[in-house]
PDB file of N, CA and C in Angstrom:
ATOM      1  N   MET A   1     107.363 102.434 101.457  1.00  0.00           N
ATOM      2  CA  MET A   1     108.161 101.932 101.023  1.00  0.00           C
ATOM      3  C   MET A   1     108.929 101.551 102.377  1.00  0.00           C
ATOM      4  N   LEU A   2     110.114 100.739 102.961  1.00  0.00           N
ATOM      5  CA  LEU A   2     110.447 100.179 104.302  1.00  0.00           C
ATOM      6  C   LEU A   2     111.586 101.237 104.029  1.00  0.00           C
ATOM      7  N   LYS A   3     112.054 101.702 104.828  1.00  0.00           N
ATOM      8  CA  LYS A   3     114.019 101.875 105.390  1.00  0.00           C
ATOM      9  C   LYS A   3     114.304 100.930 105.749  1.00  0.00           C
ATOM     10  N   LEU A   4     113.525  99.988 105.523  1.00  0.00           N
ATOM     11  CA  LEU A   4     115.434  98.481 106.071  1.00  0.00           C
ATOM     12  C   LEU A   4     116.662  98.611 105.058  1.00  0.00           C
ATOM     13  N   ASP A   5     118.057  98.672 105.187  1.00  0.00           N
ATOM     14  CA  ASP A   5     118.589  99.246 104.557  1.00  0.00           C
ATOM     15  C   ASP A   5     119.097  98.213 105.509  1.00  0.00           C
ATOM     16  N   LYS A   6     118.856  97.094 105.162  1.00  0.00           N
ATOM     17  CA  LYS A   6     120.625  95.152 105.460  1.00  0.00           C
ATOM     18  C   LYS A   6     120.280  94.257 104.298  1.00  0.00           C
ATOM     19  N   ILE A   7     121.414  93.822 104.367  1.00  0.00           N
ATOM     20  CA  ILE A   7     121.967  92.373 103.366  1.00  0.00           C
ATOM     21  C   ILE A   7     121.369  91.888 102.790  1.00  0.00           C
ATOM     22  N   PRO A   8     120.604  91.211 104.599  1.00  0.00           N
ATOM     23  CA  PRO A   8     119.852  90.107 104.416  1.00  0.00           C
ATOM     24  C   PRO A   8     118.312  90.976 103.717  1.00  0.00           C
ATOM     25  N   PHE A   9     117.718  91.363 104.479  1.00  0.00           N
ATOM     26  CA  PHE A   9     116.905  92.280 103.505  1.00  0.00           C
ATOM     27  C   PHE A   9     116.064  92.206 101.621  1.00  0.00           C
ATOM     28  N   GLY A  10     117.690  92.491 100.689  1.00  0.00           N
ATOM     29  CA  GLY A  10     118.242  92.711  99.019  1.00  0.00           C
ATOM     30  C   GLY A  10     117.934  91.131  98.705  1.00  0.00           C
ATOM     31  N   ILE A  11     118.283  90.113 100.659  1.00  0.00           N
ATOM     32  CA  ILE A  11     118.573  89.167  99.421  1.00  0.00           C
ATOM     33  C   ILE A  11     117.650  88.303  99.501  1.00  0.00           C
ATOM     34  N   ALA A  12     116.372  88.887 100.492  1.00  0.00           N
ATOM     35  CA  ALA A  12     115.280  88.148 100.086  1.00  0.00           C
ATOM     36  C   ALA A  12     114.321  88.977  99.187  1.00  0.00           C
ATOM     37  N   LEU A  13     114.669  89.935  99.554  1.00  0.00           N
ATOM     38  CA  LEU A  13     113.669  90.127  97.775  1.00  0.00           C
ATOM     39  C   LEU A  13     114.250  89.629  96.899  1.00  0.00           C
ATOM     40  N   GLY A  14     114.616  89.533  96.487  1.00  0.00           N
ATOM     41  CA  GLY A  14     116.376  89.101  94.653  1.00  0.00           C
ATOM     42  C   GLY A  14     116.057  87.810  94.745  1.00  0.00           C
ATOM     43  N   ALA A  15     115.818  87.121  95.782  1.00  0.00           N
ATOM     44  CA  ALA A  15     115.046  85.575  95.894  1.00  0.00           C
ATOM     45  C   ALA A  15     113.487  85.896  95.419  1.00  0.00           C
ATOM     46  N   LEU A  16     113.009  86.971  96.059  1.00  0.00           N
ATOM     47  CA  LEU A  16     111.547  85.950  95.616  1.00  0.00           C
ATOM     48  C   LEU A  16     110.744  86.962  93.750  1.00  0.00           C
ATOM     49  N   ALA A  17     111.014  87.993  93.917  1.00  0.00           N
ATOM     50  CA  ALA A  17     111.357  89.229  93.213  1.00  0.00           C
ATOM     51  C   ALA A  17     110.974  88.185  91.388  1.00  0.00           C
ATOM     52  N   PRO A  18     112.574  86.465  91.113  1.00  0.00           N
ATOM     53  CA  PRO A  18     112.422  86.380  90.428  1.00  0.00           C
ATOM     54  C   PRO A  18     111.352  85.530  90.358  1.00  0.00           C
ATOM     55  N   VAL A  19     111.084  84.993  91.248  1.00  0.00           N
ATOM     56  CA  VAL A  19     109.950  83.865  91.311  1.00  0.00           C
ATOM     57  C   VAL A  19     108.597  84.375  91.055  1.00  0.00           C
ATOM     58  N   LEU A  20     107.931  85.600  91.808  1.00  0.00           N
ATOM     59  CA  LEU A  20     106.743  86.867  90.794  1.00  0.00           C
ATOM     60  C   LEU A  20     106.561  86.745  89.729  1.00  0.00           C
ATOM     61  N   GLY A  21     108.306  87.132  89.593  1.00  0.00           N
ATOM     62  CA  GLY A  21     108.504  87.071  87.573  1.00  0.00           C
ATOM     63  C   GLY A  21     107.714  85.918  86.798  1.00  0.00           C
ATOM     64  N   LEU A  22     108.565  84.143  87.155  1.00  0.00           N
ATOM     65  CA  LEU A  22     107.655  83.640  86.855  1.00  0.00           C
ATOM     66  C   LEU A  22     106.437  83.418  86.913  1.00  0.00           C
ATOM     67  N   VAL A  23     105.862  84.191  87.926  1.00  0.00           N
ATOM     68  CA  VAL A  23     104.228  83.086  88.515  1.00  0.00           C
ATOM     69  C   VAL A  23     103.759  84.422  87.765  1.00  0.00           C
ATOM     70  N   ILE A  24     103.739  85.524  87.795  1.00  0.00           N
ATOM     71  CA  ILE A  24     102.788  86.026  86.150  1.00  0.00           C
ATOM     72  C   ILE A  24     103.189  85.940  84.575  1.00  0.00           C
ATOM     73  N   TYR A  25     104.304  85.193  83.823  1.00  0.00           N
ATOM     74  CA  TYR A  25     104.211  84.882  83.118  1.00  0.00           C
ATOM     75  C   TYR A  25     103.830  83.639  83.058  1.00  0.00           C
ATOM     76  N   TYR A  26     103.360  82.297  84.156  1.00  0.00           N
ATOM     77  CA  TYR A  26     103.235  81.800  83.963  1.00  0.00           C
ATOM     78  C   TYR A  26     101.316  82.537  83.908  1.00  0.00           C
ATOM     79  N   TYR A  27     100.883  83.052  84.708  1.00  0.00           N
ATOM     80  CA  TYR A  27      99.611  83.511  84.277  1.00  0.00           C
ATOM     81  C   TYR A  27      99.009  84.208  83.390  1.00  0.00           C
ATOM     82  N   LEU A  28     100.078  84.480  82.513  1.00  0.00           N
ATOM     83  CA  LEU A  28      99.766  85.591  81.356  1.00  0.00           C
ATOM     84  C   LEU A  28      99.772  84.492  79.535  1.00  0.00           C
ATOM     85  N   LYS A  29     100.687  83.879  80.327  1.00  0.00           N
ATOM     86  CA  LYS A  29     101.220  82.857  78.551  1.00  0.00           C
ATOM     87  C   LYS A  29     100.234  81.737  78.836  1.00  0.00           C
ATOM     88  N   SER A  30     100.148  80.779  80.188  1.00  0.00           N
ATOM     89  CA  SER A  30     100.190  79.751  80.675  1.00  0.00           C
ATOM     90  C   SER A  30      99.185  79.113  81.365  1.00  0.00           C
ATOM     91  N   PRO A  31      98.206  79.500  81.150  1.00  0.00           N
ATOM     92  CA  PRO A  31      96.760  79.252  82.209  1.00  0.00           C
ATOM     93  C   PRO A  31      96.337  78.873  82.098  1.00  0.00           C
ATOM     94  N   SER A  32      96.824  77.495  80.659  1.00  0.00           N
ATOM     95  CA  SER A  32      95.561  76.471  81.094  1.00  0.00           C
ATOM     96  C   SER A  32      96.025  74.862  81.483  1.00  0.00           C
ATOM     97  N   ILE A  33      97.452  74.940  81.431  1.00  0.00           N
ATOM     98  CA  ILE A  33      98.274  73.852  82.753  1.00  0.00           C
ATOM     99  C   ILE A  33      98.179  74.093  83.456  1.00  0.00           C
ATOM    100  N   SER A  34      99.005  73.187  84.677  1.00  0.00           N
ATOM    101  CA  SER A  34      99.625  73.237  85.721  1.00  0.00           C
ATOM    102  C   SER A  34     100.414  74.033  86.748  1.00  0.00           C
ATOM    103  N   PHE A  35     100.352  74.971  86.823  1.00  0.00           N
ATOM    104  CA  PHE A  35     101.972  75.499  87.573  1.00  0.00           C
ATOM    105  C   PHE A  35     102.846  74.432  86.964  1.00  0.00           C
ATOM    106  N   GLY A  36     102.441  73.119  88.405  1.00  0.00           N
ATOM    107  CA  GLY A  36     103.072  72.024  87.942  1.00  0.00           C
ATOM    108  C   GLY A  36     103.923  71.485  86.828  1.00  0.00           C
ATOM    109  N   GLU A  37     103.551  71.170  85.461  1.00  0.00           N
ATOM    110  CA  GLU A  37     103.602  71.381  83.992  1.00  0.00           C
ATOM    111  C   GLU A  37     104.087  72.177  83.834  1.00  0.00           C
ATOM    112  N   PHE A  38     104.277  73.617  83.489  1.00  0.00           N
ATOM    113  CA  PHE A  38     105.002  74.325  83.743  1.00  0.00           C
ATOM    114  C   PHE A  38     106.211  74.377  83.674  1.00  0.00           C
ATOM    115  N   THR A  39     105.932  74.470  84.900  1.00  0.00           N
ATOM    116  CA  THR A  39     107.759  74.629  85.336  1.00  0.00           C
ATOM    117  C   THR A  39     108.369  73.349  85.084  1.00  0.00           C
ATOM    118  N   GLU A  40     108.012  72.114  85.171  1.00  0.00           N
ATOM    119  CA  GLU A  40     108.502  71.256  84.717  1.00  0.00           C
ATOM    120  C   GLU A  40     109.288  70.725  83.040  1.00  0.00           C
ATOM    121  N   TYR A  41     107.942  71.689  82.204  1.00  0.00           N
ATOM    122  CA  TYR A  41     108.675  72.002  80.507  1.00  0.00           C
ATOM    123  C   TYR A  41     109.469  73.390  81.125  1.00  0.00           C
ATOM    124  N   PHE A  42     109.382  74.465  81.708  1.00  0.00           N
ATOM    125  CA  PHE A  42     110.582  75.718  81.967  1.00  0.00           C
ATOM    126  C   PHE A  42     112.399  75.190  82.085  1.00  0.00           C
ATOM    127  N   PHE A  43     112.228  73.866  83.093  1.00  0.00           N
ATOM    128  CA  PHE A  43     113.345  72.934  82.833  1.00  0.00           C
ATOM    129  C   PHE A  43     113.813  72.774  81.805  1.00  0.00           C
ATOM    130  N   LYS A  44     113.113  71.877  82.007  1.00  0.00           N
ATOM    131  CA  LYS A  44     113.519  71.204  80.284  1.00  0.00           C
ATOM    132  C   LYS A  44     113.942  71.697  78.771  1.00  0.00           C
ATOM    133  N   THR A  45     112.392  72.710  78.450  1.00  0.00           N
ATOM    134  CA  THR A  45     113.640  73.835  77.476  1.00  0.00           C
ATOM    135  C   THR A  45     114.410  75.070  77.222  1.00  0.00           C
ATOM    136  N   LYS A  46     115.538  74.681  77.179  1.00  0.00           N
ATOM    137  CA  LYS A  46     116.785  75.552  77.055  1.00  0.00           C
ATOM    138  C   LYS A  46     116.452  77.084  76.793  1.00  0.00           C
ATOM    139  N   ALA A  47     115.575  76.810  75.659  1.00  0.00           N
ATOM    140  CA  ALA A  47     115.615  78.459  74.879  1.00  0.00           C
ATOM    141  C   ALA A  47     114.579  79.047  75.876  1.00  0.00           C
ATOM    142  N   LEU A  48     113.854  77.691  76.152  1.00  0.00           N
ATOM    143  CA  LEU A  48     112.543  78.918  77.550  1.00  0.00           C
ATOM    144  C   LEU A  48     113.244  79.200  79.687  1.00  0.00           C
ATOM    145  N   LEU A  49     114.006  78.453  78.895  1.00  0.00           N
ATOM    146  CA  LEU A  49     114.790  78.885  79.850  1.00  0.00           C
ATOM    147  C   LEU A  49     115.939  80.265  80.445  1.00  0.00           C
ATOM    148  N   THR A  50     116.249  80.211  79.274  1.00  0.00           N
ATOM    149  CA  THR A  50     116.383  81.318  78.690  1.00  0.00           C
ATOM    150  C   THR A  50     116.230  82.253  79.062  1.00  0.00           C
ATOM    151  N   ALA A  51     115.431  82.263  78.179  1.00  0.00           N
ATOM    152  CA  ALA A  51     114.711  84.265  77.649  1.00  0.00           C
ATOM    153  C   ALA A  51     113.589  83.936  78.879  1.00  0.00           C
ATOM    154  N   VAL A  52     112.940  83.368  80.040  1.00  0.00           N
ATOM    155  CA  VAL A  52     111.971  83.257  80.613  1.00  0.00           C
ATOM    156  C   VAL A  52     113.053  83.528  82.069  1.00  0.00           C
ATOM    157  N   GLY A  53     113.877  83.270  83.071  1.00  0.00           N
ATOM    158  CA  GLY A  53     114.639  82.986  83.016  1.00  0.00           C
ATOM    159  C   GLY A  53     115.539  84.721  83.028  1.00  0.00           C
ATOM    160  N   SER A  54     115.290  85.367  82.574  1.00  0.00           N
ATOM    161  CA  SER A  54     116.616  86.636  81.821  1.00  0.00           C
ATOM    162  C   SER A  54     114.800  87.453  81.736  1.00  0.00           C
ATOM    163  N   LEU A  55     113.525  87.007  81.546  1.00  0.00           N
ATOM    164  CA  LEU A  55     111.940  88.139  81.678  1.00  0.00           C
ATOM    165  C   LEU A  55     112.418  87.872  83.782  1.00  0.00           C
ATOM    166  N   CYS A  56     112.600  86.999  84.306  1.00  0.00           N
ATOM    167  CA  CYS A  56     112.119  87.004  85.101  1.00  0.00           C
ATOM    168  C   CYS A  56     113.413  88.019  86.045  1.00  0.00           C
ATOM    169  N   LEU A  57     114.143  87.886  86.120  1.00  0.00           N
ATOM    170  CA  LEU A  57     115.767  89.421  86.332  1.00  0.00           C
ATOM    171  C   LEU A  57     115.745  90.196  85.606  1.00  0.00           C
ATOM    172  N   ILE A  58     114.494  90.897  85.199  1.00  0.00           N
ATOM    173  CA  ILE A  58     113.999  92.221  85.294  1.00  0.00           C
ATOM    174  C   ILE A  58     113.286  93.349  86.398  1.00  0.00           C
ATOM    175  N   SER A  59     112.778  92.021  86.224  1.00  0.00           N
ATOM    176  CA  SER A  59     111.810  93.026  87.928  1.00  0.00           C
ATOM    177  C   SER A  59     112.891  92.486  89.764  1.00  0.00           C
ATOM    178  N   ASN A  60     114.496  91.429  89.442  1.00  0.00           N
ATOM    179  CA  ASN A  60     115.568  91.994  90.947  1.00  0.00           C
ATOM    180  C   ASN A  60     116.437  93.763  89.895  1.00  0.00           C
ATOM    181  N   ILE A  61     116.099  93.164  88.744  1.00  0.00           N
ATOM    182  CA  ILE A  61     117.297  94.837  88.547  1.00  0.00           C
ATOM    183  C   ILE A  61     116.670  96.283  88.430  1.00  0.00           C
ATOM    184  N   VAL A  62     114.385  96.034  87.747  1.00  0.00           N
ATOM    185  CA  VAL A  62     113.850  96.905  89.347  1.00  0.00           C
ATOM    186  C   VAL A  62     113.928  96.929  90.514  1.00  0.00           C
ATOM    187  N   LEU A  63     114.194  95.921  91.272  1.00  0.00           N
ATOM    188  CA  LEU A  63     114.455  96.824  92.158  1.00  0.00           C
ATOM    189  C   LEU A  63     115.986  96.812  93.011  1.00  0.00           C
ATOM    190  N   PHE A  64     116.183  96.851  92.265  1.00  0.00           N
ATOM    191  CA  PHE A  64     117.921  97.560  92.328  1.00  0.00           C
ATOM    192  C   PHE A  64     117.603  98.140  92.772  1.00  0.00           C
ATOM    193  N   THR A  65     117.766  99.542  91.129  1.00  0.00           N
ATOM    194  CA  THR A  65     117.270 100.576  91.031  1.00  0.00           C
ATOM    195  C   THR A  65     116.802 101.508  91.624  1.00  0.00           C
ATOM    196  N   LEU A  66     115.810 101.084  92.300  1.00  0.00           N
ATOM    197  CA  LEU A  66     114.928 101.450  93.207  1.00  0.00           C
ATOM    198  C   LEU A  66     115.440 102.235  94.332  1.00  0.00           C
ATOM    199  N   PHE A  67     116.327 100.757  94.866  1.00  0.00           N
ATOM    200  CA  PHE A  67     116.916 100.835  95.975  1.00  0.00           C
ATOM    201  C   PHE A  67     118.162 101.803  95.949  1.00  0.00           C
ATOM    202  N   ILE A  68     118.658 101.523  94.825  1.00  0.00           N
ATOM    203  CA  ILE A  68     120.134 102.457  94.635  1.00  0.00           C
ATOM    204  C   ILE A  68     119.373 103.914  94.554  1.00  0.00           C
ATOM    205  N   ASN A  69     118.933 104.282  93.864  1.00  0.00           N
ATOM    206  CA  ASN A  69     118.295 105.769  93.972  1.00  0.00           C
ATOM    207  C   ASN A  69     117.316 106.005  94.938  1.00  0.00           C
ATOM    208  N   SER A  70     117.188 105.261  96.073  1.00  0.00           N
ATOM    209  CA  SER A  70     116.344 105.627  97.412  1.00  0.00           C
ATOM    210  C   SER A  70     117.406 105.432  97.659  1.00  0.00           C
ATOM    211  N   LYS A  71     119.085 105.635  97.958  1.00  0.00           N
ATOM    212  CA  LYS A  71     120.483 105.700  98.786  1.00  0.00           C
ATOM    213  C   LYS A  71     120.334 104.660 100.228  1.00  0.00           C
ATOM    214  N   ARG A  72     120.258 103.014 100.170  1.00  0.00           N
ATOM    215  CA  ARG A  72     120.158 102.364 100.633  1.00  0.00           C
ATOM    216  C   ARG A  72     120.504 100.894  99.854  1.00  0.00           C
ATOM    217  N   ASP A  73     121.779 101.183  99.843  1.00  0.00           N
ATOM    218  CA  ASP A  73     122.993  99.989  99.210  1.00  0.00           C
ATOM    219  C   ASP A  73     122.250  99.065  99.671  1.00  0.00           C
ATOM    220  N   LYS A  74     122.871  98.408 100.685  1.00  0.00           N
ATOM    221  CA  LYS A  74     122.901  97.780 101.531  1.00  0.00           C
ATOM    222  C   LYS A  74     121.905  96.501 100.794  1.00  0.00           C
ATOM    223  N   THR A  75     120.654  97.049 101.143  1.00  0.00           N
ATOM    224  CA  THR A  75     119.614  96.090 100.425  1.00  0.00           C
ATOM    225  C   THR A  75     120.050  96.653  99.162  1.00  0.00           C
ATOM    226  N   ALA A  76     120.018  97.433  98.367  1.00  0.00           N
ATOM    227  CA  ALA A  76     120.563  96.430  97.086  1.00  0.00           C
ATOM    228  C   ALA A  76     121.971  95.217  96.645  1.00  0.00           C
ATOM    229  N   ILE A  77     122.853  96.201  97.388  1.00  0.00           N
ATOM    230  CA  ILE A  77     123.196  95.157  97.477  1.00  0.00           C
ATOM    231  C   ILE A  77     123.413  93.150  97.814  1.00  0.00           C
ATOM    232  N   GLY A  78     122.032  93.106  98.673  1.00  0.00           N
ATOM    233  CA  GLY A  78     121.860  92.310  98.155  1.00  0.00           C
ATOM    234  C   GLY A  78     120.941  91.213  97.814  1.00  0.00           C
ATOM    235  N   ILE A  79     119.745  92.553  96.486  1.00  0.00           N
ATOM    236  CA  ILE A  79     119.002  91.977  95.762  1.00  0.00           C
ATOM    237  C   ILE A  79     120.395  91.940  93.962  1.00  0.00           C
ATOM    238  N   PHE A  80     121.760  92.694  94.503  1.00  0.00           N
ATOM    239  CA  PHE A  80     122.300  92.439  93.353  1.00  0.00           C
ATOM    240  C   PHE A  80     123.878  90.369  93.508  1.00  0.00           C
ATOM    241  N   ILE A  81     123.073  90.802  94.845  1.00  0.00           N
ATOM    242  CA  ILE A  81     124.257  88.997  95.042  1.00  0.00           C
ATOM    243  C   ILE A  81     123.249  87.600  94.323  1.00  0.00           C
ATOM    244  N   MET A  82     122.478  88.187  94.662  1.00  0.00           N
ATOM    245  CA  MET A  82     120.884  87.419  94.262  1.00  0.00           C
ATOM    246  C   MET A  82     120.528  87.513  92.562  1.00  0.00           C
ATOM    247  N   THR A  83     120.592  89.231  91.915  1.00  0.00           N
ATOM    248  CA  THR A  83     120.188  87.977  90.314  1.00  0.00           C
ATOM    249  C   THR A  83     121.493  87.838  90.276  1.00  0.00           C
ATOM    250  N   LEU A  84     122.208  88.191  90.667  1.00  0.00           N
ATOM    251  CA  LEU A  84     124.011  87.101  89.985  1.00  0.00           C
ATOM    252  C   LEU A  84     123.493  85.798  90.535  1.00  0.00           C
ATOM    253  N   MET A  85     123.822  85.429  91.536  1.00  0.00           N
ATOM    254  CA  MET A  85     122.643  83.509  91.811  1.00  0.00           C
ATOM    255  C   MET A  85     122.737  82.717  91.044  1.00  0.00           C
ATOM    256  N   TYR A  86     120.658  83.647  90.152  1.00  0.00           N
ATOM    257  CA  TYR A  86     120.304  83.592  89.842  1.00  0.00           C
ATOM    258  C   TYR A  86     120.622  83.160  88.544  1.00  0.00           C
ATOM    259  N   GLY A  87     121.198  84.221  88.244  1.00  0.00           N
ATOM    260  CA  GLY A  87     121.706  84.428  86.584  1.00  0.00           C
ATOM    261  C   GLY A  87     122.287  82.891  86.246  1.00  0.00           C
ATOM    262  N   LEU A  88     123.465  82.736  87.109  1.00  0.00           N
ATOM    263  CA  LEU A  88     123.948  81.294  87.956  1.00  0.00           C
ATOM    264  C   LEU A  88     123.477  79.778  87.417  1.00  0.00           C
ATOM    265  N   MET A  89     122.486  80.288  88.343  1.00  0.00           N
ATOM    266  CA  MET A  89     121.341  78.823  88.155  1.00  0.00           C
ATOM    267  C   MET A  89     120.562  79.151  86.870  1.00  0.00           C
ATOM    268  N   ILE A  90     120.732  79.845  85.973  1.00  0.00           N
ATOM    269  CA  ILE A  90     120.484  80.277  85.070  1.00  0.00           C
ATOM    270  C   ILE A  90     121.863  79.600  83.376  1.00  0.00           C
ATOM    271  N   LEU A  91     122.269  79.776  84.018  1.00  0.00           N
ATOM    272  CA  LEU A  91     123.524  79.566  82.732  1.00  0.00           C
ATOM    273  C   LEU A  91     123.624  77.859  82.898  1.00  0.00           C
ATOM    274  N   TYR A  92     123.243  77.193  84.238  1.00  0.00           N
ATOM    275  CA  TYR A  92     124.220  75.924  84.532  1.00  0.00           C
ATOM    276  C   TYR A  92     123.376  74.416  84.530  1.00  0.00           C
ATOM    277  N   ALA A  93     122.055  75.783  84.464  1.00  0.00           N
ATOM    278  CA  ALA A  93     120.454  74.602  84.064  1.00  0.00           C
ATOM    279  C   ALA A  93     121.280  75.062  82.522  1.00  0.00           C
ATOM    280  N   LYS A  94     120.767  75.553  82.092  1.00  0.00           N
ATOM    281  CA  LYS A  94     121.138  75.269  80.594  1.00  0.00           C
ATOM    282  C   LYS A  94     122.000  74.605  80.309  1.00  0.00           C
ATOM    283  N   PHE A  95     122.879  74.526  80.353  1.00  0.00           N
ATOM    284  CA  PHE A  95     124.870  74.155  80.097  1.00  0.00           C
ATOM    285  C   PHE A  95     124.531  72.784  80.200  1.00  0.00           C
ATOM    286  N   PHE A  96     124.147  72.236  82.080  1.00  0.00           N
ATOM    287  CA  PHE A  96     124.112  71.129  82.530  1.00  0.00           C
ATOM    288  C   PHE A  96     123.182  70.345  82.803  1.00  0.00           C
ATOM    289  N   MET A  97     121.873  70.939  82.093  1.00  0.00           N
ATOM    290  CA  MET A  97     121.044  69.834  83.411  1.00  0.00           C
ATOM    291  C   MET A  97     121.035  68.997  81.549  1.00  0.00           C
TER     292      MET A  97
END
């Protein structure tokens, strides 16, 4: 694993991990439709948005734990910031879209 311990690196990792989680969920559950149709359905269905959005954030929890345990606190802070941002975006999308 990289030895980089910087907040921007953590923000980048924290931004990419939930997207990767969403792509993995798509390939496991809905490969028969296009990814564009899946994302449109994902954002329109409130129950799916909450459930899958929460599952996608688990990838950030795993990353956060790995970086905290390896004493790379600045990177972990960046991951935590992005986890909060994604969580707030999911809540906003659920209640106001």
